[in-house]
Amino acid sequence: MGETEGMLPPAIRRRMPAAALLAAVVVAGLVVHAALPDTAASDIAGDVLYAAAAYLAVALIAPSLPVLAIGGIAAVWCVAVELFQLTGLPLEWGARFAPVVLLLGTVFDPRDIVVYVVTVAVMTAAHALLRRSDRR
């Protein structure tokens, strides 16, 4: 641990990795959204990055939660957003204010739910392994 890092409060030190990873994932998501053609592969990549961002946001906000709770909250968020698309409101709101699309998507796709759940499961498993190794 560096000298500066040792002076930071523990809560800040716990949040730093999640914040850095979240920033990287958001940048990658914006690149996928803006620079890649709209294909099934770019849609899946965007879904993976969205679910990873949801997981990292929960880990950033509440780093002391159990890993399974972080994963559960992230998965519920992703599935709820996908189901909310069935109302048509995200599509309507996105037509009025384009950035809404980045947070709420546009139209329901059941494949997205599968991608979200698998991604959150992988993130949860990786986080659990990291926490386990940190305790050693």
Protein backbone atom coordinates (compact mmCIF):
# COMPACT_ATOMS: atom_id res chain seq x y z
CA MET A 1 0.00 0.00 0.00
CA GLY A 2 1.34 3.42 -0.96
CA GLU A 3 1.92 6.13 1.63
CA THR A 4 -0.99 8.27 0.36
CA GLU A 5 -3.35 5.32 0.19
CA GLY A 6 -2.63 4.47 3.83
CA MET A 7 -3.84 7.93 4.86
CA LEU A 8 -7.25 7.46 3.23
CA PRO A 9 -10.16 6.37 5.41
CA PRO A 10 -11.02 2.65 5.06
CA ALA A 11 -14.41 3.42 3.48
CA ILE A 12 -12.70 5.40 0.69
CA ARG A 13 -10.06 2.70 0.16
CA ARG A 14 -12.82 0.06 -0.19
CA ARG A 15 -14.62 2.19 -2.79
CA MET A 16 -11.62 3.10 -4.96
CA PRO A 17 -11.44 -0.14 -6.98
CA ALA A 18 -15.18 -0.12 -7.67
CA ALA A 19 -15.05 3.55 -8.71
CA ALA A 20 -12.13 2.98 -11.08
CA LEU A 21 -13.71 -0.11 -12.62
CA LEU A 22 -17.09 1.61 -12.92
CA ALA A 23 -15.52 4.52 -14.77
CA ALA A 24 -13.77 2.13 -17.17
CA VAL A 25 -16.97 0.16 -17.77
CA VAL A 26 -18.99 3.32 -18.42
CA VAL A 27 -16.41 4.54 -20.93
CA ALA A 28 -16.42 1.13 -22.65
CA GLY A 29 -20.22 1.18 -22.73
CA LEU A 30 -20.27 4.62 -24.30
CA VAL A 31 -17.77 3.48 -26.94
CA VAL A 32 -19.89 0.41 -27.74
CA HIS A 33 -23.02 2.56 -27.93
CA ALA A 34 -21.51 5.33 -30.06
CA ALA A 35 -18.86 3.67 -32.18
CA LEU A 36 -19.98 0.14 -33.01
CA PRO A 37 -22.66 -0.80 -35.52
CA ASP A 38 -25.95 -1.96 -34.02
CA THR A 39 -25.61 -5.75 -34.20
CA ALA A 40 -26.49 -8.66 -31.92
CA ALA A 41 -22.85 -8.75 -30.76
CA SER A 42 -22.75 -5.04 -29.88
CA ASP A 43 -26.15 -5.36 -28.16
CA ILE A 44 -24.86 -8.23 -26.01
CA ALA A 45 -21.63 -6.34 -25.29
CA GLY A 46 -23.70 -3.36 -24.19
CA ASP A 47 -25.83 -5.60 -21.96
CA VAL A 48 -22.74 -7.10 -20.34
CA LEU A 49 -21.32 -3.65 -19.68
CA TYR A 50 -24.66 -2.39 -18.33
CA ALA A 51 -24.92 -5.29 -15.87
CA ALA A 52 -21.29 -4.87 -14.85
CA ALA A 53 -21.91 -1.15 -14.27
CA ALA A 54 -24.98 -1.93 -12.16
CA TYR A 55 -22.95 -4.38 -10.05
CA LEU A 56 -20.08 -1.93 -9.62
CA ALA A 57 -22.44 0.92 -8.74
CA VAL A 58 -23.96 -1.12 -5.92
CA ALA A 59 -20.47 -2.14 -4.75
CA LEU A 60 -19.43 1.52 -4.82
CA ILE A 61 -22.48 2.74 -2.90
CA ALA A 62 -22.47 -0.06 -0.32
CA PRO A 63 -19.05 -1.75 -0.26
CA SER A 64 -19.65 -3.53 3.03
CA LEU A 65 -22.72 -5.42 1.80
CA PRO A 66 -22.27 -9.16 1.37
CA VAL A 67 -21.29 -10.05 -2.18
CA LEU A 68 -24.53 -11.97 -2.74
CA ALA A 69 -26.54 -8.92 -1.70
CA ILE A 70 -24.61 -6.74 -4.14
CA GLY A 71 -25.29 -9.25 -6.90
CA GLY A 72 -28.94 -9.58 -5.95
CA ILE A 73 -29.53 -5.83 -5.99
CA ALA A 74 -27.73 -5.46 -9.33
CA ALA A 75 -29.68 -8.32 -10.89
CA VAL A 76 -33.02 -7.00 -9.63
CA TRP A 77 -32.17 -3.53 -11.00
CA CYS A 78 -31.27 -4.90 -14.44
CA VAL A 79 -34.33 -7.14 -14.70
CA ALA A 80 -36.63 -4.37 -13.43
CA VAL A 81 -35.28 -1.94 -16.04
CA GLU A 82 -35.75 -4.53 -18.78
CA LEU A 83 -39.32 -5.25 -17.66
CA PHE A 84 -40.02 -1.50 -17.42
CA GLN A 85 -39.32 -1.34 -21.14
CA LEU A 86 -42.56 -3.28 -21.66
CA THR A 87 -44.43 -0.09 -20.69
CA GLY A 88 -43.04 1.79 -23.68
CA LEU A 89 -42.04 4.69 -21.43
CA PRO A 90 -38.25 4.33 -21.83
CA LEU A 91 -38.65 4.43 -25.63
CA GLU A 92 -40.92 7.49 -25.40
CA TRP A 93 -38.65 9.27 -22.91
CA GLY A 94 -35.57 8.38 -24.96
CA ALA A 95 -37.15 9.99 -28.03
CA ARG A 96 -37.49 13.22 -26.03
CA PHE A 97 -34.12 13.07 -24.22
CA ALA A 98 -31.60 10.68 -25.80
CA PRO A 99 -29.42 10.04 -22.69
CA VAL A 100 -32.40 8.25 -21.09
CA VAL A 101 -31.70 5.39 -23.49
CA LEU A 102 -28.32 4.80 -21.82
CA LEU A 103 -29.95 4.21 -18.44
CA LEU A 104 -33.32 2.66 -19.32
CA GLY A 105 -32.85 1.17 -22.78
CA THR A 106 -35.64 1.20 -25.33
CA VAL A 107 -37.51 -2.04 -26.05
CA PHE A 108 -37.86 -5.30 -24.15
CA ASP A 109 -35.70 -8.23 -25.22
CA PRO A 110 -35.79 -11.42 -23.13
CA ARG A 111 -32.21 -12.21 -24.18
CA ASP A 112 -31.09 -9.13 -22.27
CA ILE A 113 -32.37 -10.62 -19.02
CA VAL A 114 -30.28 -13.75 -19.58
CA VAL A 115 -27.18 -11.68 -20.34
CA TYR A 116 -27.75 -9.52 -17.26
CA VAL A 117 -28.19 -12.46 -14.91
CA VAL A 118 -25.17 -14.32 -16.26
CA THR A 119 -23.00 -11.21 -16.10
CA VAL A 120 -24.06 -10.42 -12.53
CA ALA A 121 -23.39 -14.05 -11.54
CA VAL A 122 -19.87 -13.83 -12.99
CA MET A 123 -19.26 -10.47 -11.30
CA THR A 124 -20.52 -11.87 -7.99
CA ALA A 125 -18.28 -14.94 -8.23
CA ALA A 126 -15.23 -12.84 -9.13
CA HIS A 127 -15.94 -10.41 -6.30
CA ALA A 128 -16.35 -13.28 -3.83
CA LEU A 129 -12.98 -14.69 -4.87
CA LEU A 130 -11.34 -11.28 -4.50
CA ARG A 131 -12.80 -10.79 -1.05
CA ARG A 132 -11.68 -14.26 -0.03
CA SER A 133 -8.13 -13.59 -1.22
CA ASP A 134 -8.10 -10.20 0.57
CA ARG A 135 -8.89 -11.92 3.86
CA ARG A 136 -5.84 -14.16 3.60
